[in-house]
Amino acid sequence: MWLTGKTESLLVYCLIDTPELMLQDEIRREHWKLNKIEQDEELEAEIRQKHTFDYIPKQRRIKSYLVKYDQQVIDDIKEKVILCREYAKELEQKLIIQTPEHK
């Protein structure tokens, strides 16, 4: 809102099924963890069940919240950004000092 000049916005969370490509990766990972070479259909079904939400009505898988502009929040964000940049510089300096070419 600070960047766009808007005074209200919606924060929306949507519960969606895990995309198939990511789901396949998760299935493979679980097989490897359990040292399974052959595909275990029960394991795959269990994983799929944890990553799909068709059993929940669509209207219950969406949560939205009205957010109103608050200058104090914006000021707090600006301050935290400055502090984060200072901290990042400190870490960078420590990293430079610890590298072999700087010893």
N, C-alpha and C. Protein backbone atom coordinates (compact mmCIF):
# COMPACT_ATOMS: atom_id res chain seq x y z
N MET A 1 0.83 -1.19 0.00
CA MET A 1 0.00 0.00 0.00
C MET A 1 0.87 1.25 0.00
N TRP A 2 1.99 1.17 0.72
CA TRP A 2 2.92 2.29 0.78
C TRP A 2 3.44 2.61 -0.62
N LEU A 3 3.75 1.59 -1.38
CA LEU A 3 4.32 1.80 -2.71
C LEU A 3 3.28 2.25 -3.74
N THR A 4 2.03 1.82 -3.55
CA THR A 4 1.00 2.12 -4.55
C THR A 4 0.11 3.29 -4.18
N GLY A 5 0.17 3.72 -2.91
CA GLY A 5 -0.68 4.81 -2.47
C GLY A 5 -2.09 4.36 -2.10
N LYS A 6 -2.32 3.08 -2.04
CA LYS A 6 -3.64 2.56 -1.66
C LYS A 6 -3.82 2.66 -0.14
N THR A 7 -5.07 2.79 0.30
CA THR A 7 -5.34 2.90 1.73
C THR A 7 -5.93 1.62 2.31
N GLU A 8 -6.32 0.70 1.44
CA GLU A 8 -6.85 -0.60 1.87
C GLU A 8 -6.37 -1.68 0.91
N SER A 9 -6.24 -2.88 1.45
CA SER A 9 -5.89 -4.02 0.59
C SER A 9 -6.45 -5.28 1.22
N LEU A 10 -6.40 -6.35 0.46
CA LEU A 10 -6.81 -7.66 0.96
C LEU A 10 -5.60 -8.56 1.02
N LEU A 11 -5.43 -9.23 2.13
CA LEU A 11 -4.43 -10.28 2.27
C LEU A 11 -5.21 -11.58 2.14
N VAL A 12 -4.87 -12.38 1.13
CA VAL A 12 -5.65 -13.58 0.83
C VAL A 12 -4.75 -14.81 0.87
N TYR A 13 -5.17 -15.80 1.64
CA TYR A 13 -4.50 -17.09 1.71
C TYR A 13 -5.38 -18.10 1.01
N CYS A 14 -4.78 -18.89 0.13
CA CYS A 14 -5.51 -19.92 -0.60
C CYS A 14 -4.84 -21.27 -0.36
N LEU A 15 -5.63 -22.24 0.05
CA LEU A 15 -5.13 -23.60 0.24
C LEU A 15 -5.34 -24.35 -1.07
N ILE A 16 -4.25 -24.66 -1.74
CA ILE A 16 -4.34 -25.34 -3.03
C ILE A 16 -3.55 -26.64 -2.98
N ASP A 17 -3.87 -27.54 -3.90
CA ASP A 17 -3.14 -28.80 -4.00
C ASP A 17 -1.69 -28.51 -4.38
N THR A 18 -0.81 -29.36 -3.91
CA THR A 18 0.60 -29.26 -4.30
C THR A 18 0.71 -29.58 -5.79
N PRO A 19 1.43 -28.76 -6.55
CA PRO A 19 1.59 -29.05 -7.99
C PRO A 19 2.21 -30.44 -8.21
N GLU A 20 1.81 -31.08 -9.28
CA GLU A 20 2.20 -32.47 -9.55
C GLU A 20 3.72 -32.67 -9.57
N LEU A 21 4.45 -31.76 -10.16
CA LEU A 21 5.91 -31.89 -10.23
C LEU A 21 6.51 -31.91 -8.82
N MET A 22 6.05 -31.03 -7.96
CA MET A 22 6.54 -31.00 -6.58
C MET A 22 6.09 -32.24 -5.82
N LEU A 23 4.90 -32.70 -6.11
CA LEU A 23 4.38 -33.90 -5.47
C LEU A 23 5.22 -35.12 -5.84
N GLN A 24 5.58 -35.22 -7.11
CA GLN A 24 6.45 -36.33 -7.55
C GLN A 24 7.80 -36.29 -6.86
N ASP A 25 8.35 -35.09 -6.69
CA ASP A 25 9.62 -34.95 -5.97
C ASP A 25 9.48 -35.43 -4.52
N GLU A 26 8.38 -35.07 -3.88
CA GLU A 26 8.15 -35.48 -2.50
C GLU A 26 8.00 -37.00 -2.39
N ILE A 27 7.32 -37.59 -3.34
CA ILE A 27 7.15 -39.05 -3.35
C ILE A 27 8.51 -39.73 -3.50
N ARG A 28 9.33 -39.23 -4.42
CA ARG A 28 10.68 -39.79 -4.61
C ARG A 28 11.51 -39.66 -3.34
N ARG A 29 11.46 -38.47 -2.71
CA ARG A 29 12.22 -38.24 -1.48
C ARG A 29 11.83 -39.22 -0.38
N GLU A 30 10.54 -39.44 -0.22
CA GLU A 30 10.08 -40.36 0.82
C GLU A 30 10.52 -41.79 0.53
N HIS A 31 10.50 -42.18 -0.74
CA HIS A 31 10.99 -43.53 -1.10
C HIS A 31 12.48 -43.66 -0.76
N TRP A 32 13.26 -42.63 -1.08
CA TRP A 32 14.69 -42.67 -0.81
C TRP A 32 14.95 -42.73 0.70
N LYS A 33 14.21 -41.92 1.47
CA LYS A 33 14.39 -41.92 2.92
C LYS A 33 14.16 -43.31 3.52
N LEU A 34 13.20 -44.01 2.94
CA LEU A 34 12.84 -45.33 3.46
C LEU A 34 13.59 -46.46 2.75
N ASN A 35 14.56 -46.10 1.91
CA ASN A 35 15.36 -47.08 1.15
C ASN A 35 14.50 -48.01 0.31
N LYS A 36 13.46 -47.46 -0.28
CA LYS A 36 12.58 -48.26 -1.13
C LYS A 36 12.98 -48.04 -2.58
N ILE A 37 13.26 -49.13 -3.25
CA ILE A 37 13.63 -49.05 -4.66
C ILE A 37 12.36 -49.12 -5.52
N GLU A 38 11.51 -50.08 -5.19
CA GLU A 38 10.26 -50.24 -5.92
C GLU A 38 9.25 -49.21 -5.43
N GLN A 39 8.39 -48.77 -6.33
CA GLN A 39 7.38 -47.80 -5.95
C GLN A 39 6.35 -48.45 -5.02
N ASP A 40 6.11 -47.79 -3.90
CA ASP A 40 5.16 -48.25 -2.90
C ASP A 40 3.87 -47.45 -3.09
N GLU A 41 2.84 -48.13 -3.60
CA GLU A 41 1.58 -47.44 -3.90
C GLU A 41 0.90 -46.90 -2.65
N GLU A 42 1.01 -47.61 -1.54
CA GLU A 42 0.42 -47.13 -0.29
C GLU A 42 1.10 -45.85 0.19
N LEU A 43 2.42 -45.83 0.09
CA LEU A 43 3.18 -44.64 0.48
C LEU A 43 2.80 -43.47 -0.42
N GLU A 44 2.72 -43.72 -1.71
CA GLU A 44 2.35 -42.65 -2.64
C GLU A 44 0.95 -42.12 -2.32
N ALA A 45 0.01 -43.00 -2.04
CA ALA A 45 -1.36 -42.59 -1.73
C ALA A 45 -1.38 -41.74 -0.45
N GLU A 46 -0.59 -42.15 0.54
CA GLU A 46 -0.51 -41.41 1.80
C GLU A 46 0.03 -39.99 1.57
N ILE A 47 1.07 -39.89 0.75
CA ILE A 47 1.67 -38.59 0.46
C ILE A 47 0.69 -37.72 -0.33
N ARG A 48 0.05 -38.31 -1.33
CA ARG A 48 -0.93 -37.56 -2.12
C ARG A 48 -2.06 -37.04 -1.24
N GLN A 49 -2.49 -37.85 -0.30
CA GLN A 49 -3.59 -37.46 0.58
C GLN A 49 -3.20 -36.24 1.42
N LYS A 50 -1.93 -36.16 1.80
CA LYS A 50 -1.45 -35.03 2.60
C LYS A 50 -1.31 -33.74 1.78
N HIS A 51 -1.28 -33.88 0.47
CA HIS A 51 -1.01 -32.73 -0.40
C HIS A 51 -2.18 -32.34 -1.29
N THR A 52 -3.34 -32.97 -1.10
CA THR A 52 -4.52 -32.62 -1.89
C THR A 52 -5.67 -32.28 -0.95
N PHE A 53 -6.49 -31.34 -1.39
CA PHE A 53 -7.50 -30.78 -0.49
C PHE A 53 -8.89 -30.72 -1.12
N ASP A 54 -9.15 -31.60 -2.08
CA ASP A 54 -10.46 -31.62 -2.74
C ASP A 54 -11.60 -31.89 -1.76
N TYR A 55 -11.30 -32.53 -0.66
CA TYR A 55 -12.33 -32.87 0.32
C TYR A 55 -12.81 -31.64 1.12
N ILE A 56 -12.07 -30.54 1.03
CA ILE A 56 -12.47 -29.30 1.70
C ILE A 56 -13.18 -28.43 0.67
N PRO A 57 -14.38 -27.95 0.97
CA PRO A 57 -15.08 -27.08 0.01
C PRO A 57 -14.23 -25.86 -0.35
N LYS A 58 -14.30 -25.45 -1.62
CA LYS A 58 -13.46 -24.34 -2.09
C LYS A 58 -13.64 -23.08 -1.25
N GLN A 59 -14.86 -22.78 -0.86
CA GLN A 59 -15.08 -21.55 -0.09
C GLN A 59 -14.40 -21.60 1.28
N ARG A 60 -14.10 -22.79 1.77
CA ARG A 60 -13.41 -22.91 3.06
C ARG A 60 -11.89 -22.94 2.90
N ARG A 61 -11.41 -22.98 1.66
CA ARG A 61 -9.96 -23.01 1.42
C ARG A 61 -9.41 -21.63 1.12
N ILE A 62 -10.24 -20.62 1.22
CA ILE A 62 -9.81 -19.24 0.97
C ILE A 62 -10.11 -18.40 2.20
N LYS A 63 -9.10 -17.72 2.68
CA LYS A 63 -9.24 -16.81 3.82
C LYS A 63 -8.74 -15.44 3.36
N SER A 64 -9.53 -14.42 3.62
CA SER A 64 -9.08 -13.08 3.25
C SER A 64 -9.26 -12.13 4.43
N TYR A 65 -8.35 -11.18 4.48
CA TYR A 65 -8.33 -10.21 5.58
C TYR A 65 -8.17 -8.81 5.01
N LEU A 66 -9.01 -7.91 5.46
CA LEU A 66 -8.90 -6.52 5.06
C LEU A 66 -7.77 -5.88 5.87
N VAL A 67 -6.87 -5.22 5.16
CA VAL A 67 -5.74 -4.54 5.81
C VAL A 67 -5.85 -3.06 5.48
N LYS A 68 -5.84 -2.25 6.50
CA LYS A 68 -5.91 -0.79 6.31
C LYS A 68 -4.52 -0.19 6.47
N TYR A 69 -4.29 0.87 5.71
CA TYR A 69 -3.01 1.57 5.75
C TYR A 69 -2.77 2.11 7.15
N ASP A 70 -1.54 1.92 7.62
CA ASP A 70 -1.17 2.40 8.96
C ASP A 70 0.24 2.98 8.85
N GLN A 71 0.35 4.29 8.95
CA GLN A 71 1.64 4.96 8.78
C GLN A 71 2.66 4.47 9.80
N GLN A 72 2.23 4.14 11.01
CA GLN A 72 3.17 3.66 12.03
C GLN A 72 3.81 2.34 11.58
N VAL A 73 3.02 1.48 10.97
CA VAL A 73 3.56 0.20 10.47
C VAL A 73 4.59 0.48 9.38
N ILE A 74 4.30 1.41 8.50
CA ILE A 74 5.24 1.77 7.42
C ILE A 74 6.54 2.31 8.02
N ASP A 75 6.42 3.18 9.00
CA ASP A 75 7.61 3.74 9.66
C ASP A 75 8.43 2.64 10.33
N ASP A 76 7.75 1.68 10.96
CA ASP A 76 8.44 0.55 11.59
C ASP A 76 9.18 -0.28 10.54
N ILE A 77 8.54 -0.49 9.39
CA ILE A 77 9.18 -1.26 8.31
C ILE A 77 10.44 -0.54 7.84
N LYS A 78 10.34 0.77 7.63
CA LYS A 78 11.49 1.55 7.17
C LYS A 78 12.65 1.42 8.16
N GLU A 79 12.33 1.51 9.44
CA GLU A 79 13.37 1.39 10.48
C GLU A 79 14.01 0.01 10.45
N LYS A 80 13.19 -1.02 10.31
CA LYS A 80 13.72 -2.39 10.29
C LYS A 80 14.58 -2.64 9.06
N VAL A 81 14.21 -2.04 7.94
CA VAL A 81 15.02 -2.18 6.73
C VAL A 81 16.41 -1.59 6.97
N ILE A 82 16.47 -0.43 7.58
CA ILE A 82 17.76 0.21 7.89
C ILE A 82 18.58 -0.69 8.81
N LEU A 83 17.95 -1.22 9.87
CA LEU A 83 18.65 -2.11 10.80
C LEU A 83 19.13 -3.38 10.11
N CYS A 84 18.31 -3.93 9.22
CA CYS A 84 18.71 -5.14 8.49
C CYS A 84 19.90 -4.88 7.58
N ARG A 85 19.91 -3.73 6.93
CA ARG A 85 21.04 -3.39 6.06
C ARG A 85 22.32 -3.23 6.87
N GLU A 86 22.21 -2.61 8.04
CA GLU A 86 23.39 -2.46 8.90
C GLU A 86 23.90 -3.83 9.36
N TYR A 87 22.98 -4.70 9.73
CA TYR A 87 23.35 -6.05 10.16
C TYR A 87 23.99 -6.83 9.01
N ALA A 88 23.45 -6.70 7.82
CA ALA A 88 24.02 -7.38 6.66
C ALA A 88 25.44 -6.89 6.39
N LYS A 89 25.69 -5.61 6.56
CA LYS A 89 27.05 -5.06 6.38
C LYS A 89 28.00 -5.63 7.43
N GLU A 90 27.52 -5.74 8.67
CA GLU A 90 28.35 -6.34 9.73
C GLU A 90 28.72 -7.77 9.38
N LEU A 91 27.74 -8.54 8.94
CA LEU A 91 28.01 -9.94 8.56
C LEU A 91 28.97 -10.01 7.39
N GLU A 92 28.79 -9.14 6.43
CA GLU A 92 29.67 -9.10 5.27
C GLU A 92 31.10 -8.80 5.70
N GLN A 93 31.28 -7.85 6.62
CA GLN A 93 32.61 -7.52 7.11
C GLN A 93 33.24 -8.70 7.84
N LYS A 94 32.46 -9.39 8.66
CA LYS A 94 32.97 -10.56 9.36
C LYS A 94 33.39 -11.63 8.38
N LEU A 95 32.60 -11.81 7.32
CA LEU A 95 32.91 -12.82 6.32
C LEU A 95 34.20 -12.46 5.58
N ILE A 96 34.35 -11.19 5.24
CA ILE A 96 35.57 -10.74 4.54
C ILE A 96 36.78 -10.95 5.43
N ILE A 97 36.67 -10.62 6.71
CA ILE A 97 37.79 -10.76 7.63
C ILE A 97 38.19 -12.23 7.79
N GLN A 98 37.23 -13.14 7.71
CA GLN A 98 37.51 -14.55 7.95
C GLN A 98 37.99 -15.31 6.71
N THR A 99 37.94 -14.69 5.54
CA THR A 99 38.38 -15.38 4.34
C THR A 99 39.92 -15.47 4.34
N PRO A 100 40.49 -16.55 3.79
CA PRO A 100 41.95 -16.75 3.83
C PRO A 100 42.75 -15.58 3.27
N GLU A 101 42.29 -14.94 2.22
CA GLU A 101 43.07 -13.86 1.61
C GLU A 101 43.10 -12.60 2.46
N HIS A 102 42.27 -12.53 3.51
CA HIS A 102 42.25 -11.36 4.39
C HIS A 102 42.87 -11.63 5.75
N LYS A 103 43.47 -12.78 5.92
CA LYS A 103 44.08 -13.12 7.24
C LYS A 103 45.52 -12.69 7.26
